[in-house]
Amino acid sequence: MTTLNLNMFHKAALFLSQFQIAELESECNEVEQDKKKNAQLTVRVQELEAELHDKEQELENLRKQAEIIPQLMAECESITTKLQTAETKNKELEGRLGVLQLDLDDSRQKQGNMKGELKRFMDALDGKIDELHEVRQGLSKLGVDN
């Protein structure tokens, strides 16, 4: 081979090497990008798995709560029945209280009337005592005058 051919061979080999290096670098860059994407996807999968676990836990809690709901409804109905009974009893007691209040007002009225009558009677009695006292004094004077 001639020097020129040798030179061209070296240049061609050098060109091919540079082309292969560039191609390998390009492939390495692609591999690095794929690794980054895989790492991102792995992180995203872990996040989704954690979220799925949380949702499964939430679903389990909701199922447990759903099992309690009939018991709570029965308790609510029982309390509602007791409340209605208490309200009925309260109305009955309010009615009885109204009757007792009327009786109390009537008794107070009668007591007031009796006090008035007693005062009139006491005043009349005082008047009669005064008259008897005067009659007695009058009789005493008559007895002294005789």
C-alpha atoms as a PDB file:
ATOM      1  CA  MET A   1       0.000   0.000   0.000  1.00  0.00           C
ATOM      2  CA  THR A   2       1.084   3.372  -0.748  1.00  0.00           C
ATOM      3  CA  THR A   3       1.438   6.142   1.699  1.00  0.00           C
ATOM      4  CA  LEU A   4      -1.524   7.823   0.250  1.00  0.00           C
ATOM      5  CA  ASN A   5      -3.622   4.729   0.599  1.00  0.00           C
ATOM      6  CA  LEU A   6      -2.278   4.204   4.057  1.00  0.00           C
ATOM      7  CA  ASN A   7      -3.090   7.739   4.960  1.00  0.00           C
ATOM      8  CA  MET A   8      -6.578   7.377   3.578  1.00  0.00           C
ATOM      9  CA  PHE A   9      -6.959   4.078   5.396  1.00  0.00           C
ATOM     10  CA  HIS A  10      -5.977   5.746   8.672  1.00  0.00           C
ATOM     11  CA  LYS A  11      -8.282   8.634   7.955  1.00  0.00           C
ATOM     12  CA  ALA A  12     -11.091   6.250   7.112  1.00  0.00           C
ATOM     13  CA  ALA A  13     -10.380   4.175  10.246  1.00  0.00           C
ATOM     14  CA  LEU A  14     -10.232   7.342  12.289  1.00  0.00           C
ATOM     15  CA  PHE A  15     -13.492   8.538  10.762  1.00  0.00           C
ATOM     16  CA  LEU A  16     -15.123   5.186  11.479  1.00  0.00           C
ATOM     17  CA  SER A  17     -13.817   5.251  15.047  1.00  0.00           C
ATOM     18  CA  GLN A  18     -15.118   8.738  15.576  1.00  0.00           C
ATOM     19  CA  PHE A  19     -18.433   7.719  14.033  1.00  0.00           C
ATOM     20  CA  GLN A  20     -18.576   4.630  16.235  1.00  0.00           C
ATOM     21  CA  ILE A  21     -17.654   6.704  19.298  1.00  0.00           C
ATOM     22  CA  ALA A  22     -20.383   9.207  18.487  1.00  0.00           C
ATOM     23  CA  GLU A  23     -22.801   6.355  17.943  1.00  0.00           C
ATOM     24  CA  LEU A  24     -21.782   4.723  21.230  1.00  0.00           C
ATOM     25  CA  GLU A  25     -22.070   8.066  23.032  1.00  0.00           C
ATOM     26  CA  SER A  26     -25.529   8.491  21.538  1.00  0.00           C
ATOM     27  CA  GLU A  27     -26.496   5.007  22.660  1.00  0.00           C
ATOM     28  CA  CYS A  28     -25.073   5.724  26.137  1.00  0.00           C
ATOM     29  CA  ASN A  29     -27.133   8.916  26.312  1.00  0.00           C
ATOM     30  CA  GLU A  30     -30.227   6.951  25.339  1.00  0.00           C
ATOM     31  CA  VAL A  31     -29.401   4.330  27.958  1.00  0.00           C
ATOM     32  CA  GLU A  32     -28.942   7.073  30.595  1.00  0.00           C
ATOM     33  CA  GLN A  33     -32.258   8.642  29.609  1.00  0.00           C
ATOM     34  CA  ASP A  34     -33.908   5.238  29.791  1.00  0.00           C
ATOM     35  CA  LYS A  35     -32.376   4.706  33.259  1.00  0.00           C
ATOM     36  CA  LYS A  36     -33.714   8.089  34.394  1.00  0.00           C
ATOM     37  CA  LYS A  37     -37.150   7.270  32.986  1.00  0.00           C
ATOM     38  CA  ASN A  38     -37.038   3.861  34.676  1.00  0.00           C
ATOM     39  CA  ALA A  39     -36.059   5.484  37.974  1.00  0.00           C
ATOM     40  CA  GLN A  40     -38.914   7.990  37.603  1.00  0.00           C
ATOM     41  CA  LEU A  41     -41.319   5.215  36.705  1.00  0.00           C
ATOM     42  CA  THR A  42     -40.138   3.159  39.688  1.00  0.00           C
ATOM     43  CA  VAL A  43     -40.753   6.117  42.001  1.00  0.00           C
ATOM     44  CA  ARG A  44     -44.187   6.678  40.418  1.00  0.00           C
ATOM     45  CA  VAL A  45     -45.049   2.971  40.800  1.00  0.00           C
ATOM     46  CA  GLN A  46     -44.036   3.137  44.476  1.00  0.00           C
ATOM     47  CA  GLU A  47     -46.180   6.253  44.951  1.00  0.00           C
ATOM     48  CA  LEU A  48     -49.133   4.554  43.267  1.00  0.00           C
ATOM     49  CA  GLU A  49     -48.641   1.413  45.353  1.00  0.00           C
ATOM     50  CA  ALA A  50     -48.602   3.528  48.533  1.00  0.00           C
ATOM     51  CA  GLU A  51     -51.722   5.362  47.360  1.00  0.00           C
ATOM     52  CA  LEU A  52     -53.390   2.037  46.537  1.00  0.00           C
ATOM     53  CA  HIS A  53     -52.504   0.747  50.008  1.00  0.00           C
ATOM     54  CA  ASP A  54     -54.000   3.894  51.581  1.00  0.00           C
ATOM     55  CA  LYS A  55     -57.169   3.511  49.509  1.00  0.00           C
ATOM     56  CA  GLU A  56     -57.450  -0.166  50.471  1.00  0.00           C
ATOM     57  CA  GLN A  57     -57.061   0.811  54.142  1.00  0.00           C
ATOM     58  CA  GLU A  58     -59.715   3.519  53.720  1.00  0.00           C
ATOM     59  CA  LEU A  59     -62.011   1.009  52.036  1.00  0.00           C
ATOM     60  CA  GLU A  60     -61.515  -1.439  54.910  1.00  0.00           C
ATOM     61  CA  ASN A  61     -62.343   1.302  57.418  1.00  0.00           C
ATOM     62  CA  LEU A  62     -65.486   2.170  55.464  1.00  0.00           C
ATOM     63  CA  ARG A  63     -66.519  -1.496  55.454  1.00  0.00           C
ATOM     64  CA  LYS A  64     -66.076  -1.645  59.228  1.00  0.00           C
ATOM     65  CA  GLN A  65     -68.129   1.528  59.603  1.00  0.00           C
ATOM     66  CA  ALA A  66     -70.792   0.083  57.322  1.00  0.00           C
ATOM     67  CA  GLU A  67     -71.043  -2.915  59.656  1.00  0.00           C
ATOM     68  CA  ILE A  68     -71.699  -0.556  62.579  1.00  0.00           C
ATOM     69  CA  ILE A  69     -74.393   1.478  60.785  1.00  0.00           C
ATOM     70  CA  PRO A  70     -77.291  -0.972  61.439  1.00  0.00           C
ATOM     71  CA  GLN A  71     -76.415  -1.016  65.150  1.00  0.00           C
ATOM     72  CA  LEU A  72     -76.294   2.785  65.201  1.00  0.00           C
ATOM     73  CA  MET A  73     -79.628   2.966  63.372  1.00  0.00           C
ATOM     74  CA  ALA A  74     -81.201   0.629  65.952  1.00  0.00           C
ATOM     75  CA  GLU A  75     -79.808   2.779  68.767  1.00  0.00           C
ATOM     76  CA  CYS A  76     -81.120   5.884  67.030  1.00  0.00           C
ATOM     77  CA  GLU A  77     -84.593   4.343  66.731  1.00  0.00           C
ATOM     78  CA  SER A  78     -84.491   3.325  70.395  1.00  0.00           C
ATOM     79  CA  ILE A  79     -83.456   6.817  71.447  1.00  0.00           C
ATOM     80  CA  THR A  80     -86.148   8.329  69.214  1.00  0.00           C
ATOM     81  CA  THR A  81     -88.762   6.098  70.859  1.00  0.00           C
ATOM     82  CA  LYS A  82     -87.513   7.088  74.316  1.00  0.00           C
ATOM     83  CA  LEU A  83     -87.578  10.744  73.295  1.00  0.00           C
ATOM     84  CA  GLN A  84     -91.152  10.460  72.036  1.00  0.00           C
ATOM     85  CA  THR A  85     -92.140   8.721  75.273  1.00  0.00           C
ATOM     86  CA  ALA A  86     -90.448  11.458  77.297  1.00  0.00           C
ATOM     87  CA  GLU A  87     -92.186  14.161  75.218  1.00  0.00           C
ATOM     88  CA  THR A  88     -95.572  12.476  75.779  1.00  0.00           C
ATOM     89  CA  LYS A  89     -94.870  12.209  79.511  1.00  0.00           C
ATOM     90  CA  ASN A  90     -93.733  15.839  79.519  1.00  0.00           C
ATOM     91  CA  LYS A  91     -96.991  16.959  77.873  1.00  0.00           C
ATOM     92  CA  GLU A  92     -98.956  14.926  80.396  1.00  0.00           C
ATOM     93  CA  LEU A  93     -97.011  16.500  83.251  1.00  0.00           C
ATOM     94  CA  GLU A  94     -97.501  19.953  81.748  1.00  0.00           C
ATOM     95  CA  GLY A  95    -101.253  19.273  81.666  1.00  0.00           C
ATOM     96  CA  ARG A  96    -101.209  18.133  85.276  1.00  0.00           C
ATOM     97  CA  LEU A  97     -99.136  21.181  86.181  1.00  0.00           C
ATOM     98  CA  GLY A  98    -101.731  23.392  84.501  1.00  0.00           C
ATOM     99  CA  VAL A  99    -104.507  21.760  86.525  1.00  0.00           C
ATOM    100  CA  LEU A 100    -102.474  22.133  89.715  1.00  0.00           C
ATOM    101  CA  GLN A 101    -101.763  25.768  88.862  1.00  0.00           C
ATOM    102  CA  LEU A 102    -105.498  26.382  88.409  1.00  0.00           C
ATOM    103  CA  ASP A 103    -106.176  24.608  91.718  1.00  0.00           C
ATOM    104  CA  LEU A 104    -103.482  26.720  93.390  1.00  0.00           C
ATOM    105  CA  ASP A 105    -104.938  29.925  91.929  1.00  0.00           C
ATOM    106  CA  ASP A 106    -108.413  28.835  93.055  1.00  0.00           C
ATOM    107  CA  SER A 107    -107.107  28.044  96.558  1.00  0.00           C
ATOM    108  CA  ARG A 108    -105.374  31.419  96.733  1.00  0.00           C
ATOM    109  CA  GLN A 109    -108.573  33.110  95.633  1.00  0.00           C
ATOM    110  CA  LYS A 110    -110.550  31.217  98.278  1.00  0.00           C
ATOM    111  CA  GLN A 111    -107.899  32.022 100.874  1.00  0.00           C
ATOM    112  CA  GLY A 112    -108.112  35.704  99.925  1.00  0.00           C
ATOM    113  CA  ASN A 113    -111.898  35.571 100.156  1.00  0.00           C
ATOM    114  CA  MET A 114    -111.687  33.826 103.522  1.00  0.00           C
ATOM    115  CA  LYS A 115    -109.235  36.423 104.804  1.00  0.00           C
ATOM    116  CA  GLY A 116    -111.622  39.143 103.681  1.00  0.00           C
ATOM    117  CA  GLU A 117    -114.563  37.413 105.366  1.00  0.00           C
ATOM    118  CA  LEU A 118    -112.473  36.775 108.487  1.00  0.00           C
ATOM    119  CA  LYS A 119    -111.468  40.451 108.590  1.00  0.00           C
ATOM    120  CA  ARG A 120    -115.086  41.522 108.216  1.00  0.00           C
ATOM    121  CA  PHE A 121    -116.076  39.030 110.907  1.00  0.00           C
ATOM    122  CA  MET A 122    -113.258  40.260 113.200  1.00  0.00           C
ATOM    123  CA  ASP A 123    -114.288  43.868 112.553  1.00  0.00           C
ATOM    124  CA  ALA A 124    -117.928  42.975 113.306  1.00  0.00           C
ATOM    125  CA  LEU A 125    -116.835  41.059 116.403  1.00  0.00           C
ATOM    126  CA  ASP A 126    -114.743  44.023 117.544  1.00  0.00           C
ATOM    127  CA  GLY A 127    -117.783  46.202 116.981  1.00  0.00           C
ATOM    128  CA  LYS A 128    -119.972  43.824 119.009  1.00  0.00           C
ATOM    129  CA  ILE A 129    -117.357  43.673 121.787  1.00  0.00           C
ATOM    130  CA  ASP A 130    -117.272  47.471 121.835  1.00  0.00           C
ATOM    131  CA  GLU A 131    -121.101  47.528 121.994  1.00  0.00           C
ATOM    132  CA  LEU A 132    -121.075  44.941 124.789  1.00  0.00           C
ATOM    133  CA  HIS A 133    -118.482  46.979 126.597  1.00  0.00           C
ATOM    134  CA  GLU A 134    -120.654  50.075 126.247  1.00  0.00           C
ATOM    135  CA  VAL A 135    -123.705  48.115 127.383  1.00  0.00           C
ATOM    136  CA  ARG A 136    -121.758  46.871 130.365  1.00  0.00           C
ATOM    137  CA  GLN A 137    -120.632  50.382 131.198  1.00  0.00           C
ATOM    138  CA  GLY A 138    -124.180  51.529 130.754  1.00  0.00           C
ATOM    139  CA  LEU A 139    -125.396  48.785 133.103  1.00  0.00           C
ATOM    140  CA  SER A 140    -122.700  49.623 135.550  1.00  0.00           C
ATOM    141  CA  LYS A 141    -123.851  53.226 135.571  1.00  0.00           C
ATOM    142  CA  LEU A 142    -127.389  52.112 136.042  1.00  0.00           C
ATOM    143  CA  GLY A 143    -126.343  49.906 138.920  1.00  0.00           C
ATOM    144  CA  VAL A 144    -124.438  52.739 140.466  1.00  0.00           C
ATOM    145  CA  ASP A 145    -127.302  55.148 139.900  1.00  0.00           C
ATOM    146  CA  ASN A 146    -129.771  52.859 141.610  1.00  0.00           C
END
